[in-house]
């Protein structure tokens, strides 16, 4: 766990330098980081849900938190009572894992499409390490908005721009397009698939 906190501090101090530093890493450290952060989120979120804090766009930085909470509230709570929140922890982790797979493929295609160089491992690192800011309160009302936005910027702008070596201008265009799509989706459908 101390390694996870050390990575988070490095991300906060110098995000571009952090991504430059992990350029030569394999896939394992990024997945270990993702697993640690997601396990914490998967434990804290159901506890807060049980205490009455709903997982919404205003209180959750992971899309997985919102999906799992909605599923528990709509399908499991009536049948299993408070035990449904134990199942929610596993659902958050499962949804987050599926989102990592999807976002990795999506980011790789987008950044290679705009002239980026490198393997799909670059996208995996951007997505997995980009969730670090969610530890800064990605499960608390309103604080999660900051954590979610910072995480979004790490995953879709800073990480891929650095790892794929694309120009800042192209990366900003991608980031603005994705953030616009996310806000449209949030206001139309009440969810933000853009956030992990």
N, C-alpha and C. Protein backbone atom coordinates (compact mmCIF):
# COMPACT_ATOMS: atom_id res chain seq x y z
N UNK A 1 0.82 -1.20 0.00
CA UNK A 1 0.00 0.00 0.00
C UNK A 1 0.87 1.27 0.00
N UNK A 2 2.03 1.18 0.64
CA UNK A 2 2.90 2.36 0.68
C UNK A 2 3.41 2.69 -0.73
N UNK A 3 3.60 1.67 -1.57
CA UNK A 3 4.02 1.90 -2.95
C UNK A 3 2.93 2.65 -3.71
N UNK A 4 1.67 2.32 -3.45
CA UNK A 4 0.54 3.00 -4.10
C UNK A 4 0.53 4.47 -3.72
N UNK A 5 0.74 4.77 -2.45
CA UNK A 5 0.76 6.17 -2.01
C UNK A 5 1.96 6.91 -2.58
N UNK A 6 3.09 6.24 -2.70
CA UNK A 6 4.28 6.86 -3.29
C UNK A 6 4.02 7.21 -4.76
N UNK A 7 3.35 6.32 -5.47
CA UNK A 7 3.00 6.59 -6.87
C UNK A 7 2.06 7.79 -6.95
N UNK A 8 1.08 7.84 -6.07
CA UNK A 8 0.13 8.96 -6.07
C UNK A 8 0.84 10.28 -5.83
N UNK A 9 1.76 10.32 -4.88
CA UNK A 9 2.52 11.54 -4.60
C UNK A 9 3.33 11.96 -5.82
N UNK A 10 3.97 11.00 -6.48
CA UNK A 10 4.73 11.30 -7.69
C UNK A 10 3.83 11.85 -8.80
N UNK A 11 2.64 11.29 -8.93
CA UNK A 11 1.69 11.79 -9.93
C UNK A 11 1.29 13.23 -9.65
N UNK A 12 1.05 13.53 -8.40
CA UNK A 12 0.60 14.87 -8.02
C UNK A 12 1.71 15.89 -8.19
N UNK A 13 2.94 15.50 -7.87
CA UNK A 13 4.08 16.42 -7.96
C UNK A 13 4.45 16.75 -9.39
N UNK A 14 4.46 15.76 -10.27
CA UNK A 14 4.91 15.96 -11.65
C UNK A 14 4.26 14.91 -12.54
N UNK A 15 3.02 15.14 -13.00
CA UNK A 15 2.32 14.11 -13.79
C UNK A 15 3.06 13.72 -15.07
N UNK A 16 3.59 14.69 -15.79
CA UNK A 16 4.29 14.37 -17.04
C UNK A 16 5.58 13.61 -16.73
N UNK A 17 6.32 14.06 -15.74
CA UNK A 17 7.53 13.36 -15.33
C UNK A 17 7.23 11.95 -14.86
N UNK A 18 6.09 11.78 -14.18
CA UNK A 18 5.70 10.46 -13.72
C UNK A 18 5.50 9.52 -14.91
N UNK A 19 4.73 9.98 -15.91
CA UNK A 19 4.48 9.13 -17.08
C UNK A 19 5.76 8.88 -17.88
N UNK A 20 6.64 9.87 -17.93
CA UNK A 20 7.94 9.65 -18.58
C UNK A 20 8.70 8.54 -17.85
N UNK A 21 8.61 8.53 -16.53
CA UNK A 21 9.32 7.56 -15.72
C UNK A 21 8.81 6.14 -15.85
N UNK A 22 7.53 5.97 -16.20
CA UNK A 22 6.97 4.61 -16.32
C UNK A 22 6.97 4.11 -17.77
N UNK A 23 7.53 4.93 -18.67
CA UNK A 23 7.52 4.57 -20.09
C UNK A 23 8.15 3.19 -20.33
N UNK A 24 9.23 2.86 -19.64
CA UNK A 24 9.93 1.60 -19.86
C UNK A 24 9.40 0.43 -19.04
N UNK A 25 8.40 0.65 -18.20
CA UNK A 25 7.85 -0.43 -17.36
C UNK A 25 7.04 -1.42 -18.19
N UNK A 26 6.90 -2.60 -17.64
CA UNK A 26 6.01 -3.60 -18.21
C UNK A 26 4.58 -3.35 -17.73
N UNK A 27 3.72 -4.32 -17.94
CA UNK A 27 2.31 -4.18 -17.61
C UNK A 27 2.01 -4.40 -16.13
N UNK A 28 2.84 -5.16 -15.44
CA UNK A 28 2.53 -5.57 -14.07
C UNK A 28 2.39 -4.41 -13.07
N UNK A 29 3.33 -3.45 -13.00
CA UNK A 29 3.18 -2.38 -12.01
C UNK A 29 1.89 -1.56 -12.20
N UNK A 30 1.51 -1.32 -13.45
CA UNK A 30 0.29 -0.55 -13.70
C UNK A 30 -0.94 -1.33 -13.22
N UNK A 31 -0.96 -2.63 -13.47
CA UNK A 31 -2.11 -3.44 -13.03
C UNK A 31 -2.15 -3.59 -11.51
N UNK A 32 -0.98 -3.67 -10.88
CA UNK A 32 -0.95 -3.75 -9.41
C UNK A 32 -1.50 -2.45 -8.83
N UNK A 33 -1.11 -1.31 -9.40
CA UNK A 33 -1.62 -0.03 -8.93
C UNK A 33 -3.13 0.05 -9.11
N UNK A 34 -3.61 -0.32 -10.28
CA UNK A 34 -5.06 -0.34 -10.54
C UNK A 34 -5.78 -1.22 -9.52
N UNK A 35 -5.22 -2.40 -9.25
CA UNK A 35 -5.86 -3.32 -8.32
C UNK A 35 -5.94 -2.73 -6.92
N UNK A 36 -4.86 -2.13 -6.45
CA UNK A 36 -4.85 -1.54 -5.10
C UNK A 36 -5.87 -0.40 -4.98
N UNK A 37 -5.86 0.50 -5.94
CA UNK A 37 -6.80 1.63 -5.88
C UNK A 37 -8.24 1.14 -5.97
N UNK A 38 -8.50 0.22 -6.88
CA UNK A 38 -9.86 -0.27 -7.07
C UNK A 38 -10.35 -1.06 -5.87
N UNK A 39 -9.47 -1.81 -5.23
CA UNK A 39 -9.87 -2.53 -4.01
C UNK A 39 -10.28 -1.55 -2.92
N UNK A 40 -9.51 -0.50 -2.74
CA UNK A 40 -9.89 0.51 -1.74
C UNK A 40 -11.24 1.15 -2.07
N UNK A 41 -11.41 1.55 -3.33
CA UNK A 41 -12.68 2.15 -3.75
C UNK A 41 -13.82 1.15 -3.57
N UNK A 42 -13.55 -0.13 -3.86
CA UNK A 42 -14.57 -1.18 -3.75
C UNK A 42 -14.98 -1.47 -2.31
N UNK A 43 -14.14 -1.13 -1.36
CA UNK A 43 -14.47 -1.33 0.05
C UNK A 43 -15.14 -0.09 0.63
N UNK A 44 -14.59 1.07 0.31
CA UNK A 44 -15.10 2.32 0.88
C UNK A 44 -16.49 2.67 0.34
N UNK A 45 -16.69 2.51 -0.97
CA UNK A 45 -17.95 2.92 -1.59
C UNK A 45 -19.17 2.18 -1.02
N UNK A 46 -19.17 0.83 -0.97
CA UNK A 46 -20.35 0.16 -0.40
C UNK A 46 -20.60 0.53 1.06
N UNK A 47 -19.51 0.80 1.79
CA UNK A 47 -19.68 1.23 3.18
C UNK A 47 -20.42 2.56 3.25
N UNK A 48 -20.01 3.50 2.41
CA UNK A 48 -20.70 4.80 2.37
C UNK A 48 -22.13 4.65 1.85
N UNK A 49 -22.33 3.77 0.85
CA UNK A 49 -23.69 3.53 0.35
C UNK A 49 -24.58 2.98 1.46
N UNK A 50 -24.05 2.07 2.24
CA UNK A 50 -24.79 1.49 3.36
C UNK A 50 -25.17 2.57 4.38
N UNK A 51 -24.28 3.56 4.54
CA UNK A 51 -24.53 4.66 5.49
C UNK A 51 -25.43 5.74 4.90
N UNK A 52 -25.86 5.57 3.65
CA UNK A 52 -26.82 6.50 3.06
C UNK A 52 -26.27 7.46 2.02
N UNK A 53 -25.00 7.37 1.68
CA UNK A 53 -24.42 8.23 0.65
C UNK A 53 -24.54 7.50 -0.69
N UNK A 54 -25.42 7.99 -1.57
CA UNK A 54 -25.64 7.34 -2.86
C UNK A 54 -24.45 7.57 -3.79
N UNK A 55 -24.18 6.62 -4.65
CA UNK A 55 -23.12 6.77 -5.67
C UNK A 55 -23.74 7.39 -6.91
N UNK A 56 -23.44 8.67 -7.10
CA UNK A 56 -23.92 9.42 -8.25
C UNK A 56 -22.74 10.15 -8.88
N UNK A 57 -23.01 10.91 -9.92
CA UNK A 57 -21.94 11.70 -10.54
C UNK A 57 -21.36 12.73 -9.58
N UNK A 58 -22.11 13.10 -8.55
CA UNK A 58 -21.63 14.08 -7.59
C UNK A 58 -20.86 13.46 -6.44
N UNK A 59 -20.89 12.12 -6.34
CA UNK A 59 -20.22 11.49 -5.21
C UNK A 59 -19.32 10.31 -5.60
N UNK A 60 -19.11 10.11 -6.88
CA UNK A 60 -18.32 8.97 -7.33
C UNK A 60 -17.47 9.36 -8.53
N UNK A 61 -16.20 9.04 -8.47
CA UNK A 61 -15.32 9.35 -9.60
C UNK A 61 -15.17 8.17 -10.54
N UNK A 62 -15.54 6.97 -10.11
CA UNK A 62 -15.52 5.78 -10.97
C UNK A 62 -16.92 5.59 -11.55
N UNK A 63 -17.02 5.37 -12.82
CA UNK A 63 -18.29 4.97 -13.42
C UNK A 63 -18.73 3.64 -12.81
N UNK A 64 -17.78 2.81 -12.48
CA UNK A 64 -18.06 1.49 -11.90
C UNK A 64 -18.83 1.60 -10.59
N UNK A 65 -18.54 2.64 -9.80
CA UNK A 65 -19.26 2.84 -8.55
C UNK A 65 -20.74 3.11 -8.82
N UNK A 66 -21.00 3.94 -9.81
CA UNK A 66 -22.37 4.32 -10.13
C UNK A 66 -23.13 3.12 -10.69
N UNK A 67 -22.52 2.39 -11.61
CA UNK A 67 -23.18 1.21 -12.20
C UNK A 67 -23.50 0.16 -11.13
N UNK A 68 -22.52 -0.12 -10.27
CA UNK A 68 -22.73 -1.13 -9.23
C UNK A 68 -23.81 -0.69 -8.25
N UNK A 69 -23.78 0.58 -7.85
CA UNK A 69 -24.78 1.08 -6.91
C UNK A 69 -26.19 0.98 -7.50
N UNK A 70 -26.33 1.39 -8.75
CA UNK A 70 -27.65 1.31 -9.39
C UNK A 70 -28.14 -0.12 -9.47
N UNK A 71 -27.24 -1.04 -9.81
CA UNK A 71 -27.63 -2.44 -9.90
C UNK A 71 -28.05 -2.97 -8.54
N UNK A 72 -27.30 -2.65 -7.51
CA UNK A 72 -27.63 -3.10 -6.16
C UNK A 72 -28.96 -2.51 -5.71
N UNK A 73 -29.13 -1.22 -5.91
CA UNK A 73 -30.35 -0.54 -5.47
C UNK A 73 -31.58 -1.08 -6.21
N UNK A 74 -31.46 -1.29 -7.51
CA UNK A 74 -32.61 -1.71 -8.32
C UNK A 74 -32.88 -3.21 -8.27
N UNK A 75 -31.86 -4.04 -8.05
CA UNK A 75 -32.04 -5.48 -8.20
C UNK A 75 -31.73 -6.33 -6.97
N UNK A 76 -30.84 -5.88 -6.11
CA UNK A 76 -30.38 -6.75 -5.03
C UNK A 76 -30.84 -6.34 -3.63
N UNK A 77 -31.04 -5.06 -3.43
CA UNK A 77 -31.32 -4.57 -2.08
C UNK A 77 -32.60 -5.17 -1.50
N UNK A 78 -33.64 -5.27 -2.29
CA UNK A 78 -34.90 -5.82 -1.80
C UNK A 78 -34.76 -7.29 -1.42
N UNK A 79 -33.97 -8.03 -2.17
CA UNK A 79 -33.84 -9.47 -1.93
C UNK A 79 -32.82 -9.80 -0.83
N UNK A 80 -31.73 -9.05 -0.76
CA UNK A 80 -30.64 -9.41 0.14
C UNK A 80 -30.41 -8.44 1.30
N UNK A 81 -31.14 -7.35 1.31
CA UNK A 81 -30.98 -6.38 2.38
C UNK A 81 -29.57 -5.80 2.38
N UNK A 82 -29.03 -5.59 3.56
CA UNK A 82 -27.72 -4.96 3.67
C UNK A 82 -26.59 -5.83 3.12
N UNK A 83 -26.83 -7.13 2.95
CA UNK A 83 -25.81 -8.00 2.36
C UNK A 83 -25.54 -7.65 0.89
N UNK A 84 -26.48 -6.97 0.27
CA UNK A 84 -26.30 -6.56 -1.12
C UNK A 84 -25.08 -5.66 -1.28
N UNK A 85 -24.74 -4.92 -0.22
CA UNK A 85 -23.58 -4.03 -0.30
C UNK A 85 -22.26 -4.81 -0.34
N UNK A 86 -22.26 -6.03 0.19
CA UNK A 86 -21.08 -6.88 0.06
C UNK A 86 -20.89 -7.29 -1.40
N UNK A 87 -22.00 -7.59 -2.06
CA UNK A 87 -21.94 -7.95 -3.48
C UNK A 87 -21.50 -6.75 -4.30
N UNK A 88 -21.91 -5.56 -3.87
CA UNK A 88 -21.54 -4.34 -4.59
C UNK A 88 -20.02 -4.19 -4.71
N UNK A 89 -19.29 -4.57 -3.68
CA UNK A 89 -17.83 -4.47 -3.72
C UNK A 89 -17.26 -5.27 -4.89
N UNK A 90 -17.77 -6.47 -5.09
CA UNK A 90 -17.31 -7.30 -6.20
C UNK A 90 -17.75 -6.73 -7.55
N UNK A 91 -18.95 -6.16 -7.58
CA UNK A 91 -19.44 -5.56 -8.82
C UNK A 91 -18.59 -4.36 -9.24
N UNK A 92 -18.22 -3.53 -8.28
CA UNK A 92 -17.37 -2.37 -8.59
C UNK A 92 -16.07 -2.84 -9.22
N UNK A 93 -15.46 -3.84 -8.62
CA UNK A 93 -14.19 -4.34 -9.13
C UNK A 93 -14.37 -4.94 -10.53
N UNK A 94 -15.44 -5.70 -10.73
CA UNK A 94 -15.68 -6.33 -12.04
C UNK A 94 -15.95 -5.27 -13.11
N UNK A 95 -16.79 -4.29 -12.80
CA UNK A 95 -17.07 -3.22 -13.77
C UNK A 95 -15.81 -2.42 -14.08
N UNK A 96 -15.01 -2.13 -13.07
CA UNK A 96 -13.78 -1.36 -13.28
C UNK A 96 -12.81 -2.13 -14.18
N UNK A 97 -12.72 -3.43 -13.99
CA UNK A 97 -11.84 -4.25 -14.82
C UNK A 97 -12.31 -4.24 -16.27
N UNK A 98 -13.60 -4.37 -16.47
CA UNK A 98 -14.14 -4.31 -17.84
C UNK A 98 -13.87 -2.95 -18.47
N UNK A 99 -14.01 -1.88 -17.69
CA UNK A 99 -13.76 -0.54 -18.21
C UNK A 99 -12.29 -0.35 -18.58
N UNK A 100 -11.38 -0.93 -17.80
CA UNK A 100 -9.95 -0.83 -18.13
C UNK A 100 -9.69 -1.46 -19.50
N UNK A 101 -10.28 -2.62 -19.74
CA UNK A 101 -10.09 -3.29 -21.03
C UNK A 101 -10.63 -2.44 -22.17
N UNK A 102 -11.85 -1.93 -22.00
CA UNK A 102 -12.45 -1.11 -23.06
C UNK A 102 -11.66 0.18 -23.29
N UNK A 103 -11.35 0.90 -22.21
CA UNK A 103 -10.66 2.18 -22.34
C UNK A 103 -9.25 2.02 -22.90
N UNK A 104 -8.59 0.93 -22.56
CA UNK A 104 -7.25 0.68 -23.10
C UNK A 104 -7.31 0.56 -24.62
N UNK A 105 -8.23 -0.25 -25.11
CA UNK A 105 -8.36 -0.41 -26.57
C UNK A 105 -8.78 0.91 -27.22
N UNK A 106 -9.73 1.60 -26.61
CA UNK A 106 -10.23 2.87 -27.16
C UNK A 106 -9.12 3.91 -27.24
N UNK A 107 -8.39 4.10 -26.14
CA UNK A 107 -7.31 5.09 -26.11
C UNK A 107 -6.22 4.76 -27.12
N UNK A 108 -5.88 3.49 -27.22
CA UNK A 108 -4.83 3.09 -28.15
C UNK A 108 -5.24 3.45 -29.59
N UNK A 109 -6.48 3.13 -29.94
CA UNK A 109 -6.95 3.45 -31.29
C UNK A 109 -6.98 4.95 -31.54
N UNK A 110 -7.45 5.72 -30.58
CA UNK A 110 -7.54 7.17 -30.76
C UNK A 110 -6.15 7.78 -30.89
N UNK A 111 -5.25 7.45 -29.98
CA UNK A 111 -3.93 8.08 -29.99
C UNK A 111 -3.05 7.58 -31.13
N UNK A 112 -3.21 6.36 -31.56
CA UNK A 112 -2.50 5.92 -32.76
C UNK A 112 -3.11 6.61 -33.99
N UNK A 113 -4.42 6.83 -33.94
CA UNK A 113 -5.11 7.50 -35.05
C UNK A 113 -4.68 8.95 -35.25
N UNK A 114 -4.22 9.60 -34.18
CA UNK A 114 -3.78 11.00 -34.32
C UNK A 114 -2.25 11.10 -34.42
N UNK A 115 -1.61 9.98 -34.71
CA UNK A 115 -0.18 10.02 -34.97
C UNK A 115 0.72 9.58 -33.83
N UNK A 116 0.15 9.03 -32.77
CA UNK A 116 0.96 8.56 -31.65
C UNK A 116 1.75 7.32 -32.01
N UNK A 117 2.82 7.08 -31.24
CA UNK A 117 3.68 5.93 -31.47
C UNK A 117 3.72 5.08 -30.20
N UNK A 118 3.81 3.78 -30.42
CA UNK A 118 3.98 2.89 -29.28
C UNK A 118 2.91 1.82 -29.22
N UNK A 119 3.12 0.86 -28.31
CA UNK A 119 2.22 -0.29 -28.18
C UNK A 119 0.99 0.04 -27.34
N UNK A 120 0.06 -0.91 -27.32
CA UNK A 120 -1.16 -0.78 -26.52
C UNK A 120 -0.83 -0.68 -25.03
N UNK A 121 0.36 -1.11 -24.64
CA UNK A 121 0.79 -0.99 -23.24
C UNK A 121 0.77 0.47 -22.78
N UNK A 122 1.02 1.40 -23.69
CA UNK A 122 0.96 2.83 -23.34
C UNK A 122 -0.43 3.20 -22.85
N UNK A 123 -1.45 2.73 -23.53
CA UNK A 123 -2.82 3.04 -23.14
C UNK A 123 -3.16 2.38 -21.80
N UNK A 124 -2.69 1.15 -21.61
CA UNK A 124 -2.94 0.47 -20.34
C UNK A 124 -2.34 1.26 -19.18
N UNK A 125 -1.13 1.76 -19.35
CA UNK A 125 -0.50 2.56 -18.30
C UNK A 125 -1.26 3.86 -18.06
N UNK A 126 -1.69 4.52 -19.13
CA UNK A 126 -2.44 5.77 -18.97
C UNK A 126 -3.73 5.53 -18.19
N UNK A 127 -4.44 4.45 -18.51
CA UNK A 127 -5.71 4.16 -17.85
C UNK A 127 -5.49 3.72 -16.41
N UNK A 128 -4.60 2.77 -16.19
CA UNK A 128 -4.40 2.22 -14.84
C UNK A 128 -3.80 3.25 -13.88
N UNK A 129 -2.78 3.95 -14.31
CA UNK A 129 -2.18 4.95 -13.42
C UNK A 129 -3.06 6.19 -13.30
N UNK A 130 -3.86 6.44 -14.31
CA UNK A 130 -4.71 7.62 -14.30
C UNK A 130 -5.80 7.62 -13.24
N UNK A 131 -6.06 6.47 -12.64
CA UNK A 131 -7.08 6.42 -11.60
C UNK A 131 -6.57 6.87 -10.24
N UNK A 132 -5.27 7.12 -10.14
CA UNK A 132 -4.68 7.52 -8.86
C UNK A 132 -5.40 8.65 -8.14
N UNK A 133 -5.76 9.74 -8.83
CA UNK A 133 -6.44 10.84 -8.14
C UNK A 133 -7.76 10.45 -7.48
N UNK A 134 -8.33 9.32 -7.86
CA UNK A 134 -9.58 8.88 -7.23
C UNK A 134 -9.39 8.56 -5.75
N UNK A 135 -8.14 8.32 -5.34
CA UNK A 135 -7.87 8.10 -3.91
C UNK A 135 -8.03 9.38 -3.10
N UNK A 136 -8.10 10.52 -3.78
CA UNK A 136 -8.21 11.80 -3.09
C UNK A 136 -9.65 12.15 -2.72
N UNK A 137 -10.49 11.16 -2.65
CA UNK A 137 -11.88 11.39 -2.27
C UNK A 137 -12.85 11.09 -3.37
N UNK A 138 -12.51 10.16 -4.24
CA UNK A 138 -13.36 9.79 -5.35
C UNK A 138 -14.62 9.05 -4.93
N UNK A 139 -14.91 9.05 -3.65
CA UNK A 139 -16.08 8.37 -3.10
C UNK A 139 -16.86 9.32 -2.20
N UNK A 140 -16.46 10.59 -2.15
CA UNK A 140 -17.11 11.58 -1.29
C UNK A 140 -17.89 12.59 -2.13
N UNK A 141 -19.07 12.98 -1.66
CA UNK A 141 -19.85 13.96 -2.42
C UNK A 141 -19.05 15.23 -2.70
N UNK A 142 -19.12 15.67 -3.93
CA UNK A 142 -18.50 16.89 -4.46
C UNK A 142 -16.98 16.80 -4.56
N UNK A 143 -16.31 16.22 -3.59
CA UNK A 143 -14.86 16.02 -3.69
C UNK A 143 -14.57 15.11 -4.88
N UNK A 144 -15.48 14.17 -5.14
CA UNK A 144 -15.30 13.23 -6.24
C UNK A 144 -15.28 13.93 -7.60
N UNK A 145 -15.92 15.10 -7.70
CA UNK A 145 -15.90 15.84 -8.96
C UNK A 145 -14.47 16.26 -9.30
N UNK A 146 -13.74 16.77 -8.32
CA UNK A 146 -12.35 17.15 -8.53
C UNK A 146 -11.50 15.91 -8.83
N UNK A 147 -11.67 14.87 -8.03
CA UNK A 147 -10.89 13.65 -8.22
C UNK A 147 -11.18 13.03 -9.58
N UNK A 148 -12.44 13.02 -9.96
CA UNK A 148 -12.83 12.45 -11.25
C UNK A 148 -12.28 13.24 -12.42
N UNK A 149 -12.32 14.57 -12.33
CA UNK A 149 -11.80 15.39 -13.42
C UNK A 149 -10.29 15.23 -13.54
N UNK A 150 -9.60 15.21 -12.42
CA UNK A 150 -8.16 15.04 -12.45
C UNK A 150 -7.79 13.66 -13.02
N UNK A 151 -8.54 12.65 -12.61
CA UNK A 151 -8.33 11.32 -13.13
C UNK A 151 -8.58 11.28 -14.64
N UNK A 152 -9.63 11.93 -15.08
CA UNK A 152 -9.97 12.01 -16.50
C UNK A 152 -8.82 12.64 -17.29
N UNK A 153 -8.28 13.73 -16.74
CA UNK A 153 -7.16 14.41 -17.41
C UNK A 153 -5.93 13.52 -17.46
N UNK A 154 -5.68 12.77 -16.40
CA UNK A 154 -4.52 11.86 -16.38
C UNK A 154 -4.70 10.73 -17.40
N UNK A 155 -5.91 10.19 -17.49
CA UNK A 155 -6.17 9.05 -18.36
C UNK A 155 -6.25 9.43 -19.84
N UNK A 156 -6.85 10.55 -20.14
CA UNK A 156 -7.16 10.87 -21.53
C UNK A 156 -6.32 12.00 -22.12
N UNK A 157 -5.52 12.66 -21.30
CA UNK A 157 -4.72 13.76 -21.82
C UNK A 157 -3.23 13.60 -21.46
N UNK A 158 -2.90 13.75 -20.19
CA UNK A 158 -1.50 13.77 -19.77
C UNK A 158 -0.81 12.44 -20.05
N UNK A 159 -1.42 11.34 -19.61
CA UNK A 159 -0.80 10.02 -19.80
C UNK A 159 -0.59 9.67 -21.27
N UNK A 160 -1.66 9.66 -22.07
CA UNK A 160 -1.47 9.28 -23.47
C UNK A 160 -0.59 10.25 -24.27
N UNK A 161 -0.73 11.55 -23.99
CA UNK A 161 0.10 12.54 -24.69
C UNK A 161 1.58 12.24 -24.44
N UNK A 162 1.91 11.97 -23.20
CA UNK A 162 3.30 11.70 -22.83
C UNK A 162 3.78 10.36 -23.37
N UNK A 163 3.00 9.32 -23.17
CA UNK A 163 3.43 7.97 -23.54
C UNK A 163 3.43 7.73 -25.05
N UNK A 164 2.49 8.35 -25.75
CA UNK A 164 2.42 8.17 -27.21
C UNK A 164 3.22 9.22 -27.97
N UNK A 165 3.69 10.25 -27.27
CA UNK A 165 4.53 11.25 -27.90
C UNK A 165 3.80 12.10 -28.93
N UNK A 166 2.54 12.44 -28.68
CA UNK A 166 1.80 13.30 -29.61
C UNK A 166 1.93 14.75 -29.18
N UNK A 167 1.63 15.65 -30.09
CA UNK A 167 1.72 17.08 -29.78
C UNK A 167 0.63 17.46 -28.77
N UNK A 168 0.92 18.50 -28.02
CA UNK A 168 -0.04 18.96 -27.02
C UNK A 168 -1.33 19.41 -27.69
N UNK A 169 -1.23 20.04 -28.85
CA UNK A 169 -2.42 20.50 -29.56
C UNK A 169 -3.36 19.36 -29.92
N UNK A 170 -2.82 18.28 -30.45
CA UNK A 170 -3.66 17.13 -30.80
C UNK A 170 -4.26 16.49 -29.56
N UNK A 171 -3.46 16.40 -28.51
CA UNK A 171 -3.96 15.80 -27.27
C UNK A 171 -5.08 16.65 -26.66
N UNK A 172 -4.97 17.97 -26.77
CA UNK A 172 -6.02 18.85 -26.24
C UNK A 172 -7.31 18.67 -27.03
N UNK A 173 -7.21 18.54 -28.35
CA UNK A 173 -8.40 18.33 -29.18
C UNK A 173 -9.12 17.05 -28.74
N UNK A 174 -8.35 15.97 -28.54
CA UNK A 174 -8.95 14.71 -28.09
C UNK A 174 -9.59 14.89 -26.72
N UNK A 175 -8.87 15.54 -25.81
CA UNK A 175 -9.37 15.74 -24.45
C UNK A 175 -10.67 16.55 -24.45
N UNK A 176 -10.69 17.64 -25.20
CA UNK A 176 -11.90 18.49 -25.26
C UNK A 176 -13.06 17.71 -25.87
N UNK A 177 -12.81 16.94 -26.92
CA UNK A 177 -13.87 16.15 -27.53
C UNK A 177 -14.44 15.13 -26.54
N UNK A 178 -13.55 14.46 -25.79
CA UNK A 178 -14.01 13.45 -24.84
C UNK A 178 -14.74 14.07 -23.65
N UNK A 179 -14.25 15.20 -23.18
CA UNK A 179 -14.92 15.84 -22.03
C UNK A 179 -16.28 16.39 -22.45
N UNK A 180 -16.37 16.90 -23.68
CA UNK A 180 -17.66 17.38 -24.20
C UNK A 180 -18.65 16.23 -24.31
N UNK A 181 -18.19 15.11 -24.87
CA UNK A 181 -19.04 13.93 -24.99
C UNK A 181 -19.51 13.45 -23.61
N UNK A 182 -18.61 13.49 -22.64
CA UNK A 182 -18.95 13.04 -21.29
C UNK A 182 -20.03 13.93 -20.67
N UNK A 183 -19.89 15.25 -20.83
CA UNK A 183 -20.90 16.15 -20.27
C UNK A 183 -22.24 15.99 -20.98
N UNK A 184 -22.22 15.81 -22.28
CA UNK A 184 -23.48 15.59 -23.00
C UNK A 184 -24.15 14.32 -22.50
N UNK A 185 -23.34 13.26 -22.36
CA UNK A 185 -23.89 12.00 -21.86
C UNK A 185 -24.44 12.15 -20.44
N UNK A 186 -23.72 12.89 -19.60
CA UNK A 186 -24.15 13.08 -18.22
C UNK A 186 -25.50 13.77 -18.16
N UNK A 187 -25.67 14.81 -18.97
CA UNK A 187 -26.92 15.57 -18.92
C UNK A 187 -28.07 14.86 -19.64
N UNK A 188 -27.77 14.06 -20.66
CA UNK A 188 -28.82 13.38 -21.41
C UNK A 188 -29.22 12.06 -20.74
N UNK A 189 -28.21 11.27 -20.32
CA UNK A 189 -28.49 9.94 -19.78
C UNK A 189 -28.29 9.82 -18.27
N UNK A 190 -27.72 10.82 -17.65
CA UNK A 190 -27.53 10.78 -16.21
C UNK A 190 -26.38 9.90 -15.77
N UNK A 191 -25.41 9.67 -16.64
CA UNK A 191 -24.26 8.85 -16.29
C UNK A 191 -23.04 9.39 -17.02
N UNK A 192 -21.86 8.96 -16.58
CA UNK A 192 -20.64 9.40 -17.24
C UNK A 192 -19.76 8.21 -17.53
N UNK A 193 -19.95 7.59 -18.68
CA UNK A 193 -19.15 6.42 -19.05
C UNK A 193 -17.69 6.78 -19.25
N UNK A 194 -17.40 8.07 -19.40
CA UNK A 194 -16.02 8.48 -19.60
C UNK A 194 -15.16 8.23 -18.37
N UNK A 195 -15.74 8.29 -17.19
CA UNK A 195 -14.95 8.05 -15.99
C UNK A 195 -14.89 6.57 -15.70
N UNK A 196 -13.70 6.13 -15.32
CA UNK A 196 -13.54 4.71 -14.99
C UNK A 196 -14.38 4.39 -13.79
